[in-house]
């Protein structure tokens, strides 16, 4: 499942997102040297990452699972829904629309585990 955010200026949106994190105005997300975003809440931190792929008219946030635990639907859904919530609450004037796919797409990294589908 990817999150696709349509915007006239993807670089501005991504920079504003990082700036708000750096300023402490968005505290629910952090990012690493690769610009991958993870949630900061202790129950959800580092369970996955959202990797932005900047295109001319959108940002595609691909889901990256950890390699040491299976991807659950709960983690998958939570990361996507919280990212949309953050964008709407803090950066709504910088994008036109956001949508997500219901299944993994190329660029997503999912870890399958016993009993997972």
Protein backbone atom coordinates (compact mmCIF):
# COMPACT_ATOMS: atom_id res chain seq x y z
CA UNK A 1 0.00 0.00 0.00
CA UNK A 2 1.46 3.29 -1.03
CA UNK A 3 0.33 6.76 -0.06
CA UNK A 4 0.16 9.06 -3.08
CA UNK A 5 0.07 12.78 -2.30
CA UNK A 6 -0.73 15.08 -5.25
CA UNK A 7 0.93 18.46 -4.98
CA UNK A 8 2.06 21.21 -7.35
CA UNK A 9 5.46 21.30 -5.62
CA UNK A 10 6.54 18.00 -4.02
CA UNK A 11 9.95 19.33 -2.93
CA UNK A 12 8.31 22.18 -0.99
CA UNK A 13 5.91 19.79 0.75
CA UNK A 14 8.68 17.39 1.74
CA UNK A 15 10.91 20.21 3.00
CA UNK A 16 8.04 21.73 5.00
CA UNK A 17 7.32 18.33 6.57
CA UNK A 18 10.95 17.90 7.65
CA UNK A 19 11.18 21.52 8.83
CA UNK A 20 8.13 21.08 11.08
CA UNK A 21 9.66 17.92 12.54
CA UNK A 22 12.96 19.74 13.13
CA UNK A 23 11.11 22.66 14.77
CA UNK A 24 9.18 20.32 17.06
CA UNK A 25 5.86 21.32 15.49
CA UNK A 26 5.31 17.72 14.32
CA UNK A 27 6.32 15.34 17.09
CA UNK A 28 4.62 12.16 15.91
CA UNK A 29 7.19 11.49 13.17
CA UNK A 30 10.97 11.49 12.79
CA UNK A 31 13.15 10.90 9.76
CA UNK A 32 16.56 9.37 9.15
CA UNK A 33 19.50 10.18 6.87
CA UNK A 34 17.69 8.49 3.95
CA UNK A 35 14.62 10.72 4.53
CA UNK A 36 12.57 7.69 5.62
CA UNK A 37 9.89 8.60 8.15
CA UNK A 38 8.96 6.53 11.19
CA UNK A 39 6.49 7.15 13.97
CA UNK A 40 7.89 8.37 17.30
CA UNK A 41 5.31 6.86 19.67
CA UNK A 42 7.12 4.18 21.70
CA UNK A 43 4.59 1.49 20.75
CA UNK A 44 5.04 2.13 17.01
CA UNK A 45 8.56 3.57 16.64
CA UNK A 46 10.75 1.80 14.09
CA UNK A 47 8.13 -0.85 13.27
CA UNK A 48 8.19 0.49 9.69
CA UNK A 49 9.19 3.48 7.63
CA UNK A 50 7.55 5.56 4.92
CA UNK A 51 9.99 6.36 2.10
CA UNK A 52 9.13 9.42 -0.01
CA UNK A 53 9.61 9.11 -3.75
CA UNK A 54 9.42 12.63 -5.17
CA UNK A 55 7.95 12.97 -8.66
CA UNK A 56 7.03 16.05 -10.68
CA UNK A 57 3.44 16.31 -9.38
CA UNK A 58 3.30 14.03 -6.35
CA UNK A 59 5.10 12.26 -3.55
CA UNK A 60 4.65 8.51 -3.30
CA UNK A 61 5.30 7.33 0.25
CA UNK A 62 6.25 3.65 0.03
CA UNK A 63 6.00 1.39 3.05
CA UNK A 64 9.22 -0.22 4.29
CA UNK A 65 8.89 -3.03 6.81
CA UNK A 66 11.52 -4.15 9.28
CA UNK A 67 13.33 -7.34 8.38
CA UNK A 68 13.06 -8.88 11.83
CA UNK A 69 9.28 -9.02 12.25
CA UNK A 70 6.30 -9.72 10.00
CA UNK A 71 4.25 -6.85 8.65
CA UNK A 72 0.81 -6.89 10.20
CA UNK A 73 -2.24 -5.22 8.75
CA UNK A 74 -2.42 -3.12 11.92
CA UNK A 75 1.07 -1.64 11.45
CA UNK A 76 0.51 -1.21 7.71
CA UNK A 77 -2.80 0.59 8.23
CA UNK A 78 -1.58 2.66 11.16
CA UNK A 79 1.45 4.08 9.38
CA UNK A 80 -0.58 5.07 6.33
CA UNK A 81 -3.52 6.56 8.24
CA UNK A 82 -1.29 8.50 10.64
CA UNK A 83 0.73 9.92 7.76
CA UNK A 84 -2.45 11.20 6.12
CA UNK A 85 -3.65 12.56 9.47
CA UNK A 86 -0.37 14.45 9.94
CA UNK A 87 -0.40 15.88 6.42
CA UNK A 88 -3.99 17.06 6.81
CA UNK A 89 -3.42 18.55 10.25
CA UNK A 90 -0.14 20.31 9.49
CA UNK A 91 0.44 20.71 5.76
CA UNK A 92 -3.01 20.79 4.15
CA UNK A 93 -2.33 23.93 2.11
CA UNK A 94 0.65 22.30 0.36
CA UNK A 95 -1.17 19.43 -1.35
CA UNK A 96 -4.34 18.87 -3.33
CA UNK A 97 -5.26 15.26 -2.59
CA UNK A 98 -4.01 12.09 -0.96
CA UNK A 99 -4.96 8.52 -1.72
CA UNK A 100 -3.62 5.12 -0.88
CA UNK A 101 -3.62 1.75 -2.50
CA UNK A 102 -5.20 -1.13 -0.60
CA UNK A 103 -2.44 -3.60 -1.45
CA UNK A 104 1.35 -3.36 -1.72
CA UNK A 105 2.71 -1.74 -4.89
CA UNK A 106 6.18 -1.75 -6.45
CA UNK A 107 8.51 0.03 -4.04
CA UNK A 108 6.78 -1.27 -0.90
CA UNK A 109 8.75 -3.72 1.25
CA UNK A 110 6.59 -6.16 3.20
CA UNK A 111 7.90 -8.84 5.55
CA UNK A 112 5.84 -12.03 5.50
CA UNK A 113 5.72 -14.17 8.60
CA UNK A 114 4.15 -17.36 9.72
CA UNK A 115 0.39 -16.91 9.87
CA UNK A 116 0.50 -13.55 8.07
CA UNK A 117 -1.05 -12.88 4.70
